[in-house]
Amino acid sequence: MIRIHLSTLLGKNKMSQKTLSLLTNIRPGTISKMYYEEIKRIDIRHINNICKALNCTVSDLIEYIPDKK
């Protein structure tokens, strides 16, 4: 399973989804889908822009958790 920690990072940075959208030029709907972990795929440019805006690493943003068997 892949976890997206955008909600946590926005909270730590006291930033709204709208502000992140403006800083990264990512559509608000895309930011919202990432925030609620409903997105099916993420563009590498989006990951890059989010990491720049939030001053974080990819591993801060995305985490792989092995599936339970």
PDB file of N, CA and C in Angstrom:
ATOM      1  N   MET A   1       0.846  -1.167   0.000  1.00  0.00           N
ATOM      2  CA  MET A   1       0.000   0.000   0.000  1.00  0.00           C
ATOM      3  C   MET A   1       0.899   1.240   0.000  1.00  0.00           C
ATOM      4  N   ILE A   2       0.479   2.226  -0.718  1.00  0.00           N
ATOM      5  CA  ILE A   2       1.184   3.505  -0.752  1.00  0.00           C
ATOM      6  C   ILE A   2       0.382   4.511   0.060  1.00  0.00           C
ATOM      7  N   ARG A   3       1.034   5.174   0.983  1.00  0.00           N
ATOM      8  CA  ARG A   3       0.405   6.240   1.787  1.00  0.00           C
ATOM      9  C   ARG A   3       0.952   7.581   1.330  1.00  0.00           C
ATOM     10  N   ILE A   4       0.081   8.556   1.219  1.00  0.00           N
ATOM     11  CA  ILE A   4       0.468   9.919   0.857  1.00  0.00           C
ATOM     12  C   ILE A   4       0.241  10.778   2.090  1.00  0.00           C
ATOM     13  N   HIS A   5       1.287  11.401   2.575  1.00  0.00           N
ATOM     14  CA  HIS A   5       1.235  12.159   3.829  1.00  0.00           C
ATOM     15  C   HIS A   5       1.064  13.658   3.604  1.00  0.00           C
ATOM     16  N   LEU A   6       0.343  14.029   2.550  1.00  0.00           N
ATOM     17  CA  LEU A   6       0.168  15.443   2.243  1.00  0.00           C
ATOM     18  C   LEU A   6      -0.592  16.176   3.340  1.00  0.00           C
ATOM     19  N   SER A   7      -1.608  15.560   3.898  1.00  0.00           N
ATOM     20  CA  SER A   7      -2.382  16.231   4.952  1.00  0.00           C
ATOM     21  C   SER A   7      -1.504  16.542   6.163  1.00  0.00           C
ATOM     22  N   THR A   8      -0.649  15.609   6.535  1.00  0.00           N
ATOM     23  CA  THR A   8       0.267  15.818   7.658  1.00  0.00           C
ATOM     24  C   THR A   8       1.251  16.939   7.361  1.00  0.00           C
ATOM     25  N   LEU A   9       1.817  16.929   6.159  1.00  0.00           N
ATOM     26  CA  LEU A   9       2.800  17.947   5.789  1.00  0.00           C
ATOM     27  C   LEU A   9       2.170  19.340   5.709  1.00  0.00           C
ATOM     28  N   LEU A  10       0.958  19.416   5.183  1.00  0.00           N
ATOM     29  CA  LEU A  10       0.286  20.720   5.136  1.00  0.00           C
ATOM     30  C   LEU A  10       0.014  21.226   6.552  1.00  0.00           C
ATOM     31  N   GLY A  11      -0.386  20.333   7.441  1.00  0.00           N
ATOM     32  CA  GLY A  11      -0.618  20.728   8.833  1.00  0.00           C
ATOM     33  C   GLY A  11       0.641  21.231   9.506  1.00  0.00           C
ATOM     34  N   LYS A  12       1.751  20.524   9.304  1.00  0.00           N
ATOM     35  CA  LYS A  12       3.029  20.942   9.899  1.00  0.00           C
ATOM     36  C   LYS A  12       3.475  22.299   9.382  1.00  0.00           C
ATOM     37  N   ASN A  13       3.185  22.566   8.110  1.00  0.00           N
ATOM     38  CA  ASN A  13       3.587  23.828   7.495  1.00  0.00           C
ATOM     39  C   ASN A  13       2.512  24.910   7.591  1.00  0.00           C
ATOM     40  N   LYS A  14       1.399  24.568   8.248  1.00  0.00           N
ATOM     41  CA  LYS A  14       0.275  25.500   8.396  1.00  0.00           C
ATOM     42  C   LYS A  14      -0.092  26.117   7.046  1.00  0.00           C
ATOM     43  N   MET A  15      -0.274  25.237   6.069  1.00  0.00           N
ATOM     44  CA  MET A  15      -0.565  25.669   4.709  1.00  0.00           C
ATOM     45  C   MET A  15      -1.870  25.032   4.255  1.00  0.00           C
ATOM     46  N   SER A  16      -2.655  25.784   3.513  1.00  0.00           N
ATOM     47  CA  SER A  16      -3.916  25.259   2.985  1.00  0.00           C
ATOM     48  C   SER A  16      -3.675  24.559   1.646  1.00  0.00           C
ATOM     49  N   GLN A  17      -4.641  23.761   1.271  1.00  0.00           N
ATOM     50  CA  GLN A  17      -4.571  23.106  -0.029  1.00  0.00           C
ATOM     51  C   GLN A  17      -4.534  24.158  -1.145  1.00  0.00           C
ATOM     52  N   LYS A  18      -5.301  25.220  -0.982  1.00  0.00           N
ATOM     53  CA  LYS A  18      -5.350  26.278  -1.994  1.00  0.00           C
ATOM     54  C   LYS A  18      -3.996  26.949  -2.155  1.00  0.00           C
ATOM     55  N   THR A  19      -3.337  27.246  -1.046  1.00  0.00           N
ATOM     56  CA  THR A  19      -2.012  27.872  -1.105  1.00  0.00           C
ATOM     57  C   THR A  19      -1.020  26.955  -1.801  1.00  0.00           C
ATOM     58  N   LEU A  20      -1.054  25.661  -1.469  1.00  0.00           N
ATOM     59  CA  LEU A  20      -0.160  24.711  -2.120  1.00  0.00           C
ATOM     60  C   LEU A  20      -0.440  24.661  -3.621  1.00  0.00           C
ATOM     61  N   SER A  21      -1.698  24.684  -3.975  1.00  0.00           N
ATOM     62  CA  SER A  21      -2.074  24.683  -5.389  1.00  0.00           C
ATOM     63  C   SER A  21      -1.491  25.894  -6.110  1.00  0.00           C
ATOM     64  N   LEU A  22      -1.590  27.047  -5.490  1.00  0.00           N
ATOM     65  CA  LEU A  22      -1.051  28.278  -6.094  1.00  0.00           C
ATOM     66  C   LEU A  22       0.475  28.233  -6.204  1.00  0.00           C
ATOM     67  N   LEU A  23       1.143  27.703  -5.191  1.00  0.00           N
ATOM     68  CA  LEU A  23       2.611  27.640  -5.192  1.00  0.00           C
ATOM     69  C   LEU A  23       3.157  26.625  -6.197  1.00  0.00           C
ATOM     70  N   THR A  24       2.394  25.581  -6.458  1.00  0.00           N
ATOM     71  CA  THR A  24       2.897  24.484  -7.285  1.00  0.00           C
ATOM     72  C   THR A  24       2.305  24.436  -8.691  1.00  0.00           C
ATOM     73  N   ASN A  25       1.287  25.255  -8.942  1.00  0.00           N
ATOM     74  CA  ASN A  25       0.564  25.212 -10.226  1.00  0.00           C
ATOM     75  C   ASN A  25      -0.059  23.841 -10.477  1.00  0.00           C
ATOM     76  N   ILE A  26      -0.513  23.191  -9.406  1.00  0.00           N
ATOM     77  CA  ILE A  26      -1.240  21.925  -9.500  1.00  0.00           C
ATOM     78  C   ILE A  26      -2.714  22.244  -9.245  1.00  0.00           C
ATOM     79  N   ARG A  27      -3.588  21.666 -10.065  1.00  0.00           N
ATOM     80  CA  ARG A  27      -5.018  21.940  -9.925  1.00  0.00           C
ATOM     81  C   ARG A  27      -5.499  21.636  -8.495  1.00  0.00           C
ATOM     82  N   PRO A  28      -6.378  22.481  -7.966  1.00  0.00           N
ATOM     83  CA  PRO A  28      -6.901  22.235  -6.614  1.00  0.00           C
ATOM     84  C   PRO A  28      -7.538  20.855  -6.462  1.00  0.00           C
ATOM     85  N   GLY A  29      -8.216  20.372  -7.481  1.00  0.00           N
ATOM     86  CA  GLY A  29      -8.831  19.045  -7.412  1.00  0.00           C
ATOM     87  C   GLY A  29      -7.805  17.933  -7.254  1.00  0.00           C
ATOM     88  N   THR A  30      -6.656  18.098  -7.914  1.00  0.00           N
ATOM     89  CA  THR A  30      -5.570  17.117  -7.805  1.00  0.00           C
ATOM     90  C   THR A  30      -4.977  17.149  -6.397  1.00  0.00           C
ATOM     91  N   ILE A  31      -4.767  18.347  -5.874  1.00  0.00           N
ATOM     92  CA  ILE A  31      -4.254  18.491  -4.503  1.00  0.00           C
ATOM     93  C   ILE A  31      -5.231  17.825  -3.529  1.00  0.00           C
ATOM     94  N   SER A  32      -6.516  18.053  -3.711  1.00  0.00           N
ATOM     95  CA  SER A  32      -7.524  17.469  -2.830  1.00  0.00           C
ATOM     96  C   SER A  32      -7.495  15.946  -2.888  1.00  0.00           C
ATOM     97  N   LYS A  33      -7.372  15.376  -4.076  1.00  0.00           N
ATOM     98  CA  LYS A  33      -7.313  13.920  -4.196  1.00  0.00           C
ATOM     99  C   LYS A  33      -6.069  13.355  -3.515  1.00  0.00           C
ATOM    100  N   MET A  34      -4.951  14.080  -3.596  1.00  0.00           N
ATOM    101  CA  MET A  34      -3.741  13.644  -2.886  1.00  0.00           C
ATOM    102  C   MET A  34      -3.958  13.746  -1.378  1.00  0.00           C
ATOM    103  N   TYR A  35      -4.544  14.850  -0.946  1.00  0.00           N
ATOM    104  CA  TYR A  35      -4.784  15.110   0.474  1.00  0.00           C
ATOM    105  C   TYR A  35      -5.602  13.979   1.107  1.00  0.00           C
ATOM    106  N   TYR A  36      -6.632  13.533   0.402  1.00  0.00           N
ATOM    107  CA  TYR A  36      -7.508  12.479   0.921  1.00  0.00           C
ATOM    108  C   TYR A  36      -7.092  11.082   0.461  1.00  0.00           C
ATOM    109  N   GLU A  37      -5.922  10.976  -0.161  1.00  0.00           N
ATOM    110  CA  GLU A  37      -5.353   9.710  -0.635  1.00  0.00           C
ATOM    111  C   GLU A  37      -6.307   8.965  -1.567  1.00  0.00           C
ATOM    112  N   GLU A  38      -6.963   9.711  -2.436  1.00  0.00           N
ATOM    113  CA  GLU A  38      -7.888   9.134  -3.409  1.00  0.00           C
ATOM    114  C   GLU A  38      -7.293   9.091  -4.815  1.00  0.00           C
ATOM    115  N   ILE A  39      -6.100   9.627  -4.980  1.00  0.00           N
ATOM    116  CA  ILE A  39      -5.492   9.740  -6.306  1.00  0.00           C
ATOM    117  C   ILE A  39      -4.964   8.381  -6.768  1.00  0.00           C
ATOM    118  N   LYS A  40      -5.042   8.122  -8.055  1.00  0.00           N
ATOM    119  CA  LYS A  40      -4.606   6.842  -8.622  1.00  0.00           C
ATOM    120  C   LYS A  40      -3.164   6.895  -9.109  1.00  0.00           C
ATOM    121  N   ARG A  41      -2.716   8.052  -9.577  1.00  0.00           N
ATOM    122  CA  ARG A  41      -1.328   8.206 -10.028  1.00  0.00           C
ATOM    123  C   ARG A  41      -0.894   9.655  -9.823  1.00  0.00           C
ATOM    124  N   ILE A  42       0.413   9.838  -9.635  1.00  0.00           N
ATOM    125  CA  ILE A  42       0.967  11.167  -9.381  1.00  0.00           C
ATOM    126  C   ILE A  42       2.068  11.441 -10.390  1.00  0.00           C
ATOM    127  N   ASP A  43       2.000  12.602 -11.012  1.00  0.00           N
ATOM    128  CA  ASP A  43       3.017  13.040 -11.956  1.00  0.00           C
ATOM    129  C   ASP A  43       4.309  13.365 -11.195  1.00  0.00           C
ATOM    130  N   ILE A  44       5.436  12.951 -11.736  1.00  0.00           N
ATOM    131  CA  ILE A  44       6.743  13.220 -11.096  1.00  0.00           C
ATOM    132  C   ILE A  44       6.949  14.723 -10.884  1.00  0.00           C
ATOM    133  N   ARG A  45       6.494  15.523 -11.825  1.00  0.00           N
ATOM    134  CA  ARG A  45       6.630  16.990 -11.675  1.00  0.00           C
ATOM    135  C   ARG A  45       5.843  17.484 -10.473  1.00  0.00           C
ATOM    136  N   HIS A  46       4.695  16.867 -10.218  1.00  0.00           N
ATOM    137  CA  HIS A  46       3.902  17.262  -9.055  1.00  0.00           C
ATOM    138  C   HIS A  46       4.640  16.930  -7.760  1.00  0.00           C
ATOM    139  N   ILE A  47       5.230  15.747  -7.705  1.00  0.00           N
ATOM    140  CA  ILE A  47       6.012  15.370  -6.518  1.00  0.00           C
ATOM    141  C   ILE A  47       7.145  16.364  -6.312  1.00  0.00           C
ATOM    142  N   ASN A  48       7.847  16.698  -7.380  1.00  0.00           N
ATOM    143  CA  ASN A  48       8.955  17.649  -7.308  1.00  0.00           C
ATOM    144  C   ASN A  48       8.475  19.009  -6.789  1.00  0.00           C
ATOM    145  N   ASN A  49       7.384  19.515  -7.356  1.00  0.00           N
ATOM    146  CA  ASN A  49       6.880  20.833  -6.960  1.00  0.00           C
ATOM    147  C   ASN A  49       6.371  20.851  -5.519  1.00  0.00           C
ATOM    148  N   ILE A  50       5.733  19.780  -5.087  1.00  0.00           N
ATOM    149  CA  ILE A  50       5.250  19.708  -3.702  1.00  0.00           C
ATOM    150  C   ILE A  50       6.428  19.658  -2.735  1.00  0.00           C
ATOM    151  N   CYS A  51       7.430  18.854  -3.049  1.00  0.00           N
ATOM    152  CA  CYS A  51       8.612  18.773  -2.177  1.00  0.00           C
ATOM    153  C   CYS A  51       9.320  20.125  -2.080  1.00  0.00           C
ATOM    154  N   LYS A  52       9.394  20.848  -3.191  1.00  0.00           N
ATOM    155  CA  LYS A  52       9.995  22.189  -3.157  1.00  0.00           C
ATOM    156  C   LYS A  52       9.176  23.130  -2.284  1.00  0.00           C
ATOM    157  N   ALA A  53       7.869  23.140  -2.481  1.00  0.00           N
ATOM    158  CA  ALA A  53       6.998  24.068  -1.751  1.00  0.00           C
ATOM    159  C   ALA A  53       6.961  23.773  -0.260  1.00  0.00           C
ATOM    160  N   LEU A  54       7.027  22.489   0.106  1.00  0.00           N
ATOM    161  CA  LEU A  54       6.935  22.104   1.517  1.00  0.00           C
ATOM    162  C   LEU A  54       8.290  21.816   2.147  1.00  0.00           C
ATOM    163  N   ASN A  55       9.347  21.983   1.363  1.00  0.00           N
ATOM    164  CA  ASN A  55      10.704  21.741   1.841  1.00  0.00           C
ATOM    165  C   ASN A  55      10.801  20.353   2.501  1.00  0.00           C
ATOM    166  N   CYS A  56      10.397  19.348   1.731  1.00  0.00           N
ATOM    167  CA  CYS A  56      10.417  17.978   2.254  1.00  0.00           C
ATOM    168  C   CYS A  56      11.048  17.047   1.227  1.00  0.00           C
ATOM    169  N   THR A  57      11.215  15.800   1.608  1.00  0.00           N
ATOM    170  CA  THR A  57      11.742  14.787   0.693  1.00  0.00           C
ATOM    171  C   THR A  57      10.584  13.931   0.179  1.00  0.00           C
ATOM    172  N   VAL A  58      10.876  13.153  -0.849  1.00  0.00           N
ATOM    173  CA  VAL A  58       9.861  12.248  -1.388  1.00  0.00           C
ATOM    174  C   VAL A  58       9.410  11.266  -0.311  1.00  0.00           C
ATOM    175  N   SER A  59      10.340  10.782   0.500  1.00  0.00           N
ATOM    176  CA  SER A  59       9.980   9.825   1.552  1.00  0.00           C
ATOM    177  C   SER A  59       9.145  10.476   2.662  1.00  0.00           C
ATOM    178  N   ASP A  60       9.206  11.800   2.800  1.00  0.00           N
ATOM    179  CA  ASP A  60       8.313  12.491   3.736  1.00  0.00           C
ATOM    180  C   ASP A  60       6.891  12.511   3.186  1.00  0.00           C
ATOM    181  N   LEU A  61       6.787  12.580   1.868  1.00  0.00           N
ATOM    182  CA  LEU A  61       5.496  12.713   1.197  1.00  0.00           C
ATOM    183  C   LEU A  61       4.828  11.371   0.924  1.00  0.00           C
ATOM    184  N   ILE A  62       5.608  10.401   0.488  1.00  0.00           N
ATOM    185  CA  ILE A  62       5.065   9.103   0.067  1.00  0.00           C
ATOM    186  C   ILE A  62       5.742   7.988   0.848  1.00  0.00           C
ATOM    187  N   GLU A  63       4.941   7.043   1.321  1.00  0.00           N
ATOM    188  CA  GLU A  63       5.483   5.920   2.081  1.00  0.00           C
ATOM    189  C   GLU A  63       4.918   4.613   1.526  1.00  0.00           C
ATOM    190  N   TYR A  64       5.779   3.613   1.383  1.00  0.00           N
ATOM    191  CA  TYR A  64       5.339   2.282   0.984  1.00  0.00           C
ATOM    192  C   TYR A  64       5.175   1.420   2.235  1.00  0.00           C
ATOM    193  N   ILE A  65       4.023   0.821   2.366  1.00  0.00           N
ATOM    194  CA  ILE A  65       3.739  -0.085   3.468  1.00  0.00           C
ATOM    195  C   ILE A  65       3.393  -1.436   2.855  1.00  0.00           C
ATOM    196  N   PRO A  66       4.191  -2.475   3.128  1.00  0.00           N
ATOM    197  CA  PRO A  66       3.898  -3.797   2.535  1.00  0.00           C
ATOM    198  C   PRO A  66       2.496  -4.279   2.903  1.00  0.00           C
ATOM    199  N   ASP A  67       1.834  -4.903   1.942  1.00  0.00           N
ATOM    200  CA  ASP A  67       0.513  -5.466   2.189  1.00  0.00           C
ATOM    201  C   ASP A  67       0.616  -6.654   3.133  1.00  0.00           C
ATOM    202  N   LYS A  68      -0.365  -6.814   3.987  1.00  0.00           N
ATOM    203  CA  LYS A  68      -0.421  -7.975   4.873  1.00  0.00           C
ATOM    204  C   LYS A  68      -0.933  -9.149   4.067  1.00  0.00           C
ATOM    205  N   LYS A  69      -0.336 -10.310   4.277  1.00  0.00           N
ATOM    206  CA  LYS A  69      -0.763 -11.498   3.530  1.00  0.00           C
ATOM    207  C   LYS A  69      -1.624 -12.388   4.353  1.00  0.00           C
TER     208      LYS A  69
END
